[in-house]
Protein backbone atom coordinates (compact mmCIF):
# COMPACT_ATOMS: atom_id res chain seq x y z
CA MET A 1 75.41 122.45 111.46
CA ALA A 2 78.66 120.36 110.80
CA ASP A 3 81.53 122.18 108.87
CA LEU A 4 82.07 121.13 105.42
CA VAL A 5 85.50 120.51 104.56
CA ALA A 6 86.94 120.55 101.03
CA ILE A 7 88.71 117.40 99.41
CA ALA A 8 90.53 116.81 96.24
CA PHE A 9 92.16 113.74 94.92
CA ALA A 10 93.09 111.96 92.12
CA VAL A 11 93.17 107.91 91.80
CA HIS A 12 94.81 105.59 89.48
CA LEU A 13 95.09 101.95 88.82
CA LEU A 14 98.76 101.06 88.06
CA ASP A 15 99.55 97.73 87.12
CA LYS A 16 99.56 94.43 89.50
CA CYS A 17 96.95 95.93 91.40
CA LEU A 18 98.43 98.58 92.96
CA VAL A 19 96.13 102.16 93.31
CA ASN A 20 97.99 105.46 93.00
CA VAL A 21 96.42 108.17 95.26
CA ARG A 22 97.75 111.87 94.77
CA VAL A 23 95.86 114.18 97.64
CA THR A 24 95.42 118.48 96.65
CA LYS A 25 93.18 119.21 99.65
CA GLY A 26 91.98 118.09 102.33
CA SER A 27 92.14 114.36 103.62
CA VAL A 28 91.86 110.78 102.63
CA GLU A 29 92.00 107.63 104.18
CA ILE A 30 93.59 104.79 102.40
CA ALA A 31 92.48 101.20 102.49
CA ALA A 32 93.34 97.97 101.56
CA ARG A 33 90.71 94.79 100.88
CA THR A 34 91.64 91.91 102.80
CA ARG A 35 91.34 88.76 100.71
CA LYS A 36 90.86 85.06 101.97
CA GLY A 37 91.00 82.79 98.57
CA LYS A 38 88.67 84.06 96.50
CA VAL A 39 86.54 85.90 98.95
CA SER A 40 87.11 90.12 99.92
CA HIS A 41 87.03 90.87 103.46
CA GLU A 42 86.83 94.14 105.25
CA ALA A 43 88.96 96.87 104.79
CA LYS A 44 92.40 97.26 106.36
CA SER A 45 93.07 100.98 107.16
CA LEU A 46 96.53 102.03 105.83
CA GLY A 47 95.84 105.05 106.82
CA VAL A 48 95.07 108.90 106.53
CA ILE A 49 96.82 110.77 103.40
CA VAL A 50 96.95 114.80 103.52
CA ALA A 51 97.58 117.50 101.29
CA GLY A 52 100.99 117.35 99.01
CA HIS A 53 101.35 113.28 99.69
CA ASP A 54 101.48 110.94 96.83
CA VAL A 55 101.12 107.35 97.86
CA VAL A 56 101.23 104.10 96.10
CA PHE A 57 99.72 101.31 97.69
CA GLY A 58 97.84 97.34 97.30
CA GLN A 59 98.08 95.61 100.43
CA LYS A 60 100.28 97.96 102.05
CA ILE A 61 102.15 101.15 100.98
CA GLU A 62 104.73 100.37 98.35
CA ARG A 63 105.46 103.81 98.47
CA ALA A 64 104.70 107.22 99.71
CA ALA A 65 106.13 110.99 99.09
CA VAL A 66 105.61 114.72 100.15
CA VAL A 67 105.12 116.33 96.30
CA SER A 68 105.84 119.96 95.32
CA ASP A 69 102.79 122.21 94.09
CA ALA A 70 104.75 122.15 91.10
CA GLU A 71 104.92 118.52 90.54
CA LEU A 72 100.95 118.02 91.48
CA GLY A 73 100.03 120.53 89.09
CA ARG A 74 102.37 118.25 86.36
CA LYS A 75 100.62 115.04 87.29
CA LEU A 76 97.45 116.31 87.43
CA ALA A 77 97.35 118.41 84.35
CA TRP A 78 95.25 115.37 82.24
CA ARG A 79 91.73 117.29 84.23
CA GLN A 80 92.46 119.97 81.88
CA GLY A 81 93.36 117.47 78.98
CA GLN A 82 97.31 118.07 78.98
CA LEU A 83 99.69 115.70 79.32
CA ILE A 84 103.20 117.32 80.72
CA TYR A 85 106.51 115.38 81.45
CA SER A 86 110.22 116.57 82.83
CA GLY A 87 112.25 113.61 82.54
CA GLN A 88 109.64 110.95 82.83
CA PRO A 89 110.67 107.45 81.45
CA LEU A 90 109.13 106.32 77.72
CA THR A 91 106.42 103.95 79.76
CA GLU A 92 104.98 106.28 81.55
CA VAL A 93 104.14 108.37 79.08
CA LEU A 94 102.56 105.72 77.20
CA ALA A 95 100.47 104.59 80.23
CA ASP A 96 99.22 107.78 80.05
CA ILE A 97 98.68 107.90 76.09
CA SER A 98 96.74 104.86 76.88
CA ARG A 99 94.72 105.35 79.92
CA TYR A 100 93.15 108.46 78.27
CA THR A 101 93.02 107.38 74.54
CA ASP A 102 91.93 104.07 72.79
CA ILE A 103 95.63 103.64 71.44
CA GLN A 104 97.37 100.44 71.43
CA ILE A 105 100.62 100.91 71.61
CA GLU A 106 103.69 98.56 71.33
CA LEU A 107 106.66 99.31 72.86
CA ALA A 108 108.84 96.80 70.90
CA ASP A 109 112.89 98.17 71.49
CA PRO A 110 112.78 97.74 75.42
CA GLY A 111 115.49 99.55 75.62
CA LEU A 112 113.37 102.96 75.00
CA ARG A 113 111.88 102.06 78.19
CA ASN A 114 113.77 104.18 80.34
CA LEU A 115 113.90 107.18 77.76
CA PRO A 116 113.54 110.59 79.87
CA VAL A 117 110.80 112.34 78.10
CA GLY A 118 109.88 115.88 78.26
CA GLY A 119 106.92 118.27 76.98
CA ALA A 120 103.60 119.58 77.60
CA PHE A 121 101.38 117.14 74.96
CA SER A 122 97.16 118.04 74.42
CA VAL A 123 95.34 114.35 75.51
CA ASN A 124 93.59 114.60 72.41
CA GLN A 125 96.40 115.26 69.61
CA THR A 126 98.04 111.86 69.87
CA ASP A 127 99.45 112.07 66.28
CA ALA A 128 101.48 115.31 67.56
CA ILE A 129 102.50 113.53 70.63
CA PHE A 130 103.85 110.56 68.55
CA ALA A 131 105.47 113.37 65.86
CA ALA A 132 107.15 114.74 69.08
CA LEU A 133 108.83 111.29 69.64
CA GLU A 134 110.24 111.31 66.56
CA ASN A 135 111.30 114.33 66.25
CA ASN A 136 113.23 115.27 69.41
CA PHE A 137 113.33 112.32 70.90
CA GLY A 138 114.51 109.32 68.57
CA VAL A 139 111.51 107.06 68.27
CA HIS A 140 110.26 105.78 65.28
CA ALA A 141 106.26 105.72 65.63
CA GLU A 142 104.68 103.46 63.12
CA TRP A 143 100.73 102.83 62.76
CA THR A 144 99.67 99.54 62.18
CA ASP A 145 96.33 100.82 61.55
CA ALA A 146 93.86 103.51 62.85
CA ARG A 147 94.57 102.42 66.50
CA HIS A 148 97.39 100.65 66.79
CA VAL A 149 100.64 102.07 66.71
CA ARG A 150 104.23 100.42 67.54
CA LEU A 151 107.33 101.96 68.19
CA THR A 152 110.81 101.30 67.57
CA SER A 153 114.57 103.36 68.09
CA ALA A 154 115.00 105.35 65.17
CA GLY A 155 118.02 104.10 64.41
CA ASP A 156 116.23 100.78 63.54
CA LYS A 157 114.57 102.39 61.10
CA GLU A 158 117.37 103.88 59.21
CA THR A 159 119.05 100.39 59.76
CA SER A 160 116.06 98.51 58.33
CA GLY A 161 115.62 100.36 55.18
CA LYS A 162 119.12 100.41 54.06
């Protein structure tokens, strides 16, 4: 009888047809589909990723990093319904909110894209997430309807209100 090997990993599709793989246990082989025109061909192996590694790839490996257990825990907290940040840019936070909810978010102020955000949020409490952004990070959240929110700098709100 063959030995059973435990494997645990998470996969996210990113912008520009890139894939992010985080391995927490065991190892995972990653591969890119080769394409000619509109036809997909065989997968081309890009290598084997082992536990504690985070890789972003498309047709080739774009970036790879060894990730601490604490960072892996933070990045995988969504499994328990939590989003945890320690200085990640606002665009990453908004991408996560969009991934786990059906809320459409418009970031109207491009100057906020790289705003560092920290905190722990429950995935199913989006009102609390947007309230925290307003109260702690200088972001104004304006709900245009039940499923759409527009984010601007809180300074823009004060200026436009005068």
